[in-house]
Amino acid sequence: MTGVILAGGESTRMGKNKAFIEINGTRIIDRTVSLFREIFDDVLLVTNTPLDYIELEVRIVTDLVPGKGTFGGIYTGLFFSSSPKAFFVGCDMPFLDRRVIQYFLSLAQTADIVAQRTKDYWQPLHAIYSRTLLKPIERLLQQGKLSIIKAYQGMRVREVTEEELKPFDPDLHTLSNINTPEELKKLLETYPNTPL
């Protein structure tokens, strides 16, 4: 399976590139790439600033549909995926956990989409998507509907519940992402001993 890291965001609320934030002396992007290289046969990074990541030993592609956020990044990742399905994360997820990722991978054959759902909404990243979504996503792009969740309609979706993940991650912090300096500070205060 292809592991896809989306690094196309502008990080405007953070004030700097979130991928390059250091936690315990390690940049988030370096930890993510290292973890992905251990798990996946193919690691793909989707970005609009490829020169920023040129030193990473991964396949780098630019957004096929720039300015469409996560939705466009997922489309691009699926388009360039070397496998029928791909696992997607954002570059701003500092607490990714191998056990949680492998649990998702163990469910990959059960559906077109494997995604976690909280009480109120789906988590579009830290999810598996099938290349069969390419056509539905193209239609949504043409209609200007930029929600990946709309592409779930008509697909086989395996919902991963919070209860399923708690044995691996009781606080569910592996799915956390950071958008502001305040969120980063709060995460580090809440999980000070998380190994990175």
C-alpha atoms as a PDB file:
ATOM      1  CA  MET A   1       0.000   0.000   0.000  1.00  0.00           C
ATOM      2  CA  THR A   2       1.071   3.574  -0.602  1.00  0.00           C
ATOM      3  CA  GLY A   3       1.473   5.883   2.380  1.00  0.00           C
ATOM      4  CA  VAL A   4       0.578   9.468   1.474  1.00  0.00           C
ATOM      5  CA  ILE A   5       1.571  12.562   3.444  1.00  0.00           C
ATOM      6  CA  LEU A   6      -0.319  15.742   2.589  1.00  0.00           C
ATOM      7  CA  ALA A   7       1.872  18.815   3.009  1.00  0.00           C
ATOM      8  CA  GLY A   8       0.077  21.359   0.877  1.00  0.00           C
ATOM      9  CA  GLY A   9      -1.433  23.603   3.527  1.00  0.00           C
ATOM     10  CA  GLU A  10      -0.335  27.202   3.883  1.00  0.00           C
ATOM     11  CA  SER A  11       0.027  27.033   7.697  1.00  0.00           C
ATOM     12  CA  THR A  12      -1.286  30.590   7.979  1.00  0.00           C
ATOM     13  CA  ARG A  13      -2.651  30.151  11.504  1.00  0.00           C
ATOM     14  CA  MET A  14       0.605  28.578  12.715  1.00  0.00           C
ATOM     15  CA  GLY A  15       2.762  31.284  11.151  1.00  0.00           C
ATOM     16  CA  LYS A  16       5.302  28.756   9.838  1.00  0.00           C
ATOM     17  CA  ASN A  17       5.359  25.434   8.009  1.00  0.00           C
ATOM     18  CA  LYS A  18       3.767  22.929  10.405  1.00  0.00           C
ATOM     19  CA  ALA A  19       5.709  20.032   8.884  1.00  0.00           C
ATOM     20  CA  PHE A  20       8.975  21.537  10.138  1.00  0.00           C
ATOM     21  CA  ILE A  21       7.915  22.103  13.739  1.00  0.00           C
ATOM     22  CA  GLU A  22      10.262  20.276  16.093  1.00  0.00           C
ATOM     23  CA  ILE A  23       8.981  18.220  18.995  1.00  0.00           C
ATOM     24  CA  ASN A  24      11.595  16.678  21.272  1.00  0.00           C
ATOM     25  CA  GLY A  25      14.240  17.666  18.718  1.00  0.00           C
ATOM     26  CA  THR A  26      12.594  15.932  15.739  1.00  0.00           C
ATOM     27  CA  ARG A  27      10.663  17.644  12.970  1.00  0.00           C
ATOM     28  CA  ILE A  28       7.134  16.286  12.521  1.00  0.00           C
ATOM     29  CA  ILE A  29       7.777  15.574   8.820  1.00  0.00           C
ATOM     30  CA  ASP A  30      10.975  13.619   9.568  1.00  0.00           C
ATOM     31  CA  ARG A  31       9.203  11.435  12.110  1.00  0.00           C
ATOM     32  CA  THR A  32       6.274  10.835   9.748  1.00  0.00           C
ATOM     33  CA  VAL A  33       8.519   9.925   6.812  1.00  0.00           C
ATOM     34  CA  SER A  34      10.608   7.590   8.990  1.00  0.00           C
ATOM     35  CA  LEU A  35       7.513   5.833  10.309  1.00  0.00           C
ATOM     36  CA  PHE A  36       5.982   5.539   6.835  1.00  0.00           C
ATOM     37  CA  ARG A  37       9.175   4.114   5.325  1.00  0.00           C
ATOM     38  CA  GLU A  38       9.038   1.336   7.924  1.00  0.00           C
ATOM     39  CA  ILE A  39       5.385   0.525   7.183  1.00  0.00           C
ATOM     40  CA  PHE A  40       4.745   1.232   3.481  1.00  0.00           C
ATOM     41  CA  ASP A  41       6.384   0.018   0.275  1.00  0.00           C
ATOM     42  CA  ASP A  42       5.785   3.390  -1.352  1.00  0.00           C
ATOM     43  CA  VAL A  43       5.782   6.778   0.403  1.00  0.00           C
ATOM     44  CA  LEU A  44       4.341   9.750  -1.438  1.00  0.00           C
ATOM     45  CA  LEU A  45       4.379  13.396  -0.361  1.00  0.00           C
ATOM     46  CA  VAL A  46       1.834  15.772  -1.927  1.00  0.00           C
ATOM     47  CA  THR A  47       2.848  19.426  -1.728  1.00  0.00           C
ATOM     48  CA  ASN A  48       2.733  22.720  -3.587  1.00  0.00           C
ATOM     49  CA  THR A  49       6.280  23.553  -2.437  1.00  0.00           C
ATOM     50  CA  PRO A  50       8.364  20.530  -3.505  1.00  0.00           C
ATOM     51  CA  LEU A  51      11.711  22.259  -3.021  1.00  0.00           C
ATOM     52  CA  ASP A  52      10.996  22.523   0.713  1.00  0.00           C
ATOM     53  CA  TYR A  53      11.029  18.728   0.956  1.00  0.00           C
ATOM     54  CA  ILE A  54      13.675  17.814  -1.614  1.00  0.00           C
ATOM     55  CA  GLU A  55      16.027  16.292   0.994  1.00  0.00           C
ATOM     56  CA  LEU A  56      13.443  13.712   2.083  1.00  0.00           C
ATOM     57  CA  GLU A  57      13.797  10.266   0.561  1.00  0.00           C
ATOM     58  CA  VAL A  58      10.220  10.025  -0.695  1.00  0.00           C
ATOM     59  CA  ARG A  59       8.376  10.434  -3.959  1.00  0.00           C
ATOM     60  CA  ILE A  60       7.202  14.046  -4.189  1.00  0.00           C
ATOM     61  CA  VAL A  61       4.304  15.220  -6.353  1.00  0.00           C
ATOM     62  CA  THR A  62       2.525  18.543  -6.624  1.00  0.00           C
ATOM     63  CA  ASP A  63      -1.227  19.025  -6.352  1.00  0.00           C
ATOM     64  CA  LEU A  64      -3.024  18.277  -9.614  1.00  0.00           C
ATOM     65  CA  VAL A  65      -5.749  20.690  -8.511  1.00  0.00           C
ATOM     66  CA  PRO A  66      -4.022  23.392  -6.416  1.00  0.00           C
ATOM     67  CA  GLY A  67      -6.020  25.393  -3.925  1.00  0.00           C
ATOM     68  CA  LYS A  68      -8.488  22.609  -3.137  1.00  0.00           C
ATOM     69  CA  GLY A  69      -7.060  21.751   0.288  1.00  0.00           C
ATOM     70  CA  THR A  70      -7.253  18.259   1.720  1.00  0.00           C
ATOM     71  CA  PHE A  71      -9.765  17.254  -0.949  1.00  0.00           C
ATOM     72  CA  GLY A  72      -7.358  18.074  -3.780  1.00  0.00           C
ATOM     73  CA  GLY A  73      -4.491  16.446  -1.902  1.00  0.00           C
ATOM     74  CA  ILE A  74      -6.394  13.189  -1.516  1.00  0.00           C
ATOM     75  CA  TYR A  75      -7.266  13.243  -5.215  1.00  0.00           C
ATOM     76  CA  THR A  76      -3.616  13.816  -6.152  1.00  0.00           C
ATOM     77  CA  GLY A  77      -2.392  11.113  -3.769  1.00  0.00           C
ATOM     78  CA  LEU A  78      -4.827   8.569  -5.187  1.00  0.00           C
ATOM     79  CA  PHE A  79      -3.949   9.548  -8.755  1.00  0.00           C
ATOM     80  CA  PHE A  80      -0.238   8.910  -8.137  1.00  0.00           C
ATOM     81  CA  SER A  81      -0.673   5.947  -5.779  1.00  0.00           C
ATOM     82  CA  SER A  82       1.227   2.863  -6.911  1.00  0.00           C
ATOM     83  CA  SER A  83      -1.316   0.616  -5.187  1.00  0.00           C
ATOM     84  CA  PRO A  84      -5.112   0.178  -5.374  1.00  0.00           C
ATOM     85  CA  LYS A  85      -5.493   1.797  -1.947  1.00  0.00           C
ATOM     86  CA  ALA A  86      -3.549   4.421  -0.039  1.00  0.00           C
ATOM     87  CA  PHE A  87      -3.293   5.543   3.574  1.00  0.00           C
ATOM     88  CA  PHE A  88      -3.423   9.326   4.093  1.00  0.00           C
ATOM     89  CA  VAL A  89      -2.198  11.605   6.880  1.00  0.00           C
ATOM     90  CA  GLY A  90      -1.475  15.308   7.203  1.00  0.00           C
ATOM     91  CA  CYS A  91       2.007  16.679   7.807  1.00  0.00           C
ATOM     92  CA  ASP A  92       0.730  18.242  11.035  1.00  0.00           C
ATOM     93  CA  MET A  93      -0.055  15.046  12.976  1.00  0.00           C
ATOM     94  CA  PRO A  94       2.767  14.744  15.524  1.00  0.00           C
ATOM     95  CA  PHE A  95       1.594  11.671  17.446  1.00  0.00           C
ATOM     96  CA  LEU A  96       1.080   9.051  14.737  1.00  0.00           C
ATOM     97  CA  ASP A  97       1.259   5.552  16.202  1.00  0.00           C
ATOM     98  CA  ARG A  98       2.396   2.467  14.300  1.00  0.00           C
ATOM     99  CA  ARG A  99      -0.121   0.225  16.101  1.00  0.00           C
ATOM    100  CA  VAL A 100      -3.053   2.434  15.164  1.00  0.00           C
ATOM    101  CA  ILE A 101      -1.905   2.676  11.539  1.00  0.00           C
ATOM    102  CA  GLN A 102      -1.478  -1.092  11.350  1.00  0.00           C
ATOM    103  CA  TYR A 103      -4.953  -1.585  12.774  1.00  0.00           C
ATOM    104  CA  PHE A 104      -6.348   0.555   9.960  1.00  0.00           C
ATOM    105  CA  LEU A 105      -4.302  -1.438   7.433  1.00  0.00           C
ATOM    106  CA  SER A 106      -5.724  -4.691   8.816  1.00  0.00           C
ATOM    107  CA  LEU A 107      -9.176  -3.419   7.780  1.00  0.00           C
ATOM    108  CA  ALA A 108      -8.168  -2.302   4.283  1.00  0.00           C
ATOM    109  CA  GLN A 109      -9.715  -5.248   2.447  1.00  0.00           C
ATOM    110  CA  THR A 110     -13.123  -4.743   4.048  1.00  0.00           C
ATOM    111  CA  ALA A 111     -14.092  -1.506   2.283  1.00  0.00           C
ATOM    112  CA  ASP A 112     -13.274   1.259  -0.205  1.00  0.00           C
ATOM    113  CA  ILE A 113     -12.758   3.684   2.681  1.00  0.00           C
ATOM    114  CA  VAL A 114     -11.519   3.031   6.209  1.00  0.00           C
ATOM    115  CA  ALA A 115     -11.971   6.126   8.356  1.00  0.00           C
ATOM    116  CA  GLN A 116     -12.455   7.047  11.980  1.00  0.00           C
ATOM    117  CA  ARG A 117     -15.660   8.698  13.065  1.00  0.00           C
ATOM    118  CA  THR A 118     -16.020  10.729  16.227  1.00  0.00           C
ATOM    119  CA  LYS A 119     -19.396  11.544  17.724  1.00  0.00           C
ATOM    120  CA  ASP A 120     -20.179  14.246  15.186  1.00  0.00           C
ATOM    121  CA  TYR A 121     -17.925  13.919  12.166  1.00  0.00           C
ATOM    122  CA  TRP A 122     -15.595  11.789  10.046  1.00  0.00           C
ATOM    123  CA  GLN A 123     -11.824  12.213  10.261  1.00  0.00           C
ATOM    124  CA  PRO A 124     -10.814  12.608   6.592  1.00  0.00           C
ATOM    125  CA  LEU A 125      -7.125  12.035   7.342  1.00  0.00           C
ATOM    126  CA  HIS A 126      -5.540   9.059   9.050  1.00  0.00           C
ATOM    127  CA  ALA A 127      -7.733   7.128   6.646  1.00  0.00           C
ATOM    128  CA  ILE A 128      -7.520   4.641   3.796  1.00  0.00           C
ATOM    129  CA  TYR A 129      -9.007   5.468   0.409  1.00  0.00           C
ATOM    130  CA  SER A 130      -9.391   3.309  -2.692  1.00  0.00           C
ATOM    131  CA  ARG A 131      -8.503   4.515  -6.167  1.00  0.00           C
ATOM    132  CA  THR A 132     -12.137   3.744  -7.055  1.00  0.00           C
ATOM    133  CA  LEU A 133     -12.843   7.171  -5.516  1.00  0.00           C
ATOM    134  CA  LEU A 134     -11.012   8.982  -8.317  1.00  0.00           C
ATOM    135  CA  LYS A 135     -14.079   9.322 -10.569  1.00  0.00           C
ATOM    136  CA  PRO A 136     -16.469  10.414  -7.786  1.00  0.00           C
ATOM    137  CA  ILE A 137     -13.893  12.960  -6.599  1.00  0.00           C
ATOM    138  CA  GLU A 138     -13.472  14.286 -10.151  1.00  0.00           C
ATOM    139  CA  ARG A 139     -17.248  14.781 -10.391  1.00  0.00           C
ATOM    140  CA  LEU A 140     -17.320  16.618  -7.063  1.00  0.00           C
ATOM    141  CA  LEU A 141     -14.419  18.827  -8.147  1.00  0.00           C
ATOM    142  CA  GLN A 142     -16.295  19.745 -11.330  1.00  0.00           C
ATOM    143  CA  GLN A 143     -19.327  20.651  -9.205  1.00  0.00           C
ATOM    144  CA  GLY A 144     -17.204  22.730  -6.830  1.00  0.00           C
ATOM    145  CA  LYS A 145     -18.054  20.480  -3.887  1.00  0.00           C
ATOM    146  CA  LEU A 146     -14.814  20.187  -1.949  1.00  0.00           C
ATOM    147  CA  SER A 147     -15.783  17.779   0.815  1.00  0.00           C
ATOM    148  CA  ILE A 148     -14.185  14.335   0.728  1.00  0.00           C
ATOM    149  CA  ILE A 149     -17.054  13.128   2.916  1.00  0.00           C
ATOM    150  CA  LYS A 150     -19.424  13.666  -0.031  1.00  0.00           C
ATOM    151  CA  ALA A 151     -17.360  11.055  -1.921  1.00  0.00           C
ATOM    152  CA  TYR A 152     -18.237   8.486   0.762  1.00  0.00           C
ATOM    153  CA  GLN A 153     -21.757   8.188  -0.672  1.00  0.00           C
ATOM    154  CA  GLY A 154     -22.185   4.963  -2.611  1.00  0.00           C
ATOM    155  CA  MET A 155     -18.874   3.552  -1.367  1.00  0.00           C
ATOM    156  CA  ARG A 156     -18.219   0.717   1.049  1.00  0.00           C
ATOM    157  CA  VAL A 157     -17.120   2.546   4.199  1.00  0.00           C
ATOM    158  CA  ARG A 158     -15.607   0.845   7.248  1.00  0.00           C
ATOM    159  CA  GLU A 159     -16.199   3.120  10.217  1.00  0.00           C
ATOM    160  CA  VAL A 160     -13.489   2.859  12.865  1.00  0.00           C
ATOM    161  CA  THR A 161     -14.961   3.759  16.238  1.00  0.00           C
ATOM    162  CA  GLU A 162     -13.264   5.473  19.145  1.00  0.00           C
ATOM    163  CA  GLU A 163     -13.792   2.300  21.195  1.00  0.00           C
ATOM    164  CA  GLU A 164     -11.802   0.262  18.670  1.00  0.00           C
ATOM    165  CA  LEU A 165      -8.829   2.603  18.961  1.00  0.00           C
ATOM    166  CA  LYS A 166      -8.759   3.007  22.740  1.00  0.00           C
ATOM    167  CA  PRO A 167      -6.815  -0.242  23.396  1.00  0.00           C
ATOM    168  CA  PHE A 168      -3.961   1.258  21.317  1.00  0.00           C
ATOM    169  CA  ASP A 169      -4.474   4.906  22.184  1.00  0.00           C
ATOM    170  CA  PRO A 170      -6.711   5.535  25.236  1.00  0.00           C
ATOM    171  CA  ASP A 171      -6.772   9.319  24.735  1.00  0.00           C
ATOM    172  CA  LEU A 172      -7.052   9.160  20.917  1.00  0.00           C
ATOM    173  CA  HIS A 173      -4.251  11.685  20.574  1.00  0.00           C
ATOM    174  CA  THR A 174      -2.669   9.911  17.577  1.00  0.00           C
ATOM    175  CA  LEU A 175      -5.358  11.537  15.424  1.00  0.00           C
ATOM    176  CA  SER A 176      -4.539  15.029  16.712  1.00  0.00           C
ATOM    177  CA  ASN A 177      -3.272  17.690  14.373  1.00  0.00           C
ATOM    178  CA  ILE A 178      -1.959  21.161  15.062  1.00  0.00           C
ATOM    179  CA  ASN A 179      -3.112  24.379  13.436  1.00  0.00           C
ATOM    180  CA  THR A 180      -2.086  27.127  15.850  1.00  0.00           C
ATOM    181  CA  PRO A 181       0.738  27.767  18.326  1.00  0.00           C
ATOM    182  CA  GLU A 182      -1.876  27.466  21.094  1.00  0.00           C
ATOM    183  CA  GLU A 183      -2.936  23.989  19.923  1.00  0.00           C
ATOM    184  CA  LEU A 184       0.702  22.883  19.815  1.00  0.00           C
ATOM    185  CA  LYS A 185       1.322  24.209  23.334  1.00  0.00           C
ATOM    186  CA  LYS A 186      -1.800  22.480  24.656  1.00  0.00           C
ATOM    187  CA  LEU A 187      -0.889  19.146  23.024  1.00  0.00           C
ATOM    188  CA  LEU A 188       2.628  19.245  24.444  1.00  0.00           C
ATOM    189  CA  GLU A 189       1.304  20.075  27.906  1.00  0.00           C
ATOM    190  CA  THR A 190      -1.316  17.327  27.721  1.00  0.00           C
ATOM    191  CA  TYR A 191       1.036  14.621  26.384  1.00  0.00           C
ATOM    192  CA  PRO A 192       4.514  15.658  27.578  1.00  0.00           C
ATOM    193  CA  ASN A 193       5.954  12.145  27.617  1.00  0.00           C
ATOM    194  CA  THR A 194       4.743  10.941  24.249  1.00  0.00           C
ATOM    195  CA  PRO A 195       7.702   9.336  22.484  1.00  0.00           C
ATOM    196  CA  LEU A 196       8.422  10.819  19.088  1.00  0.00           C
END
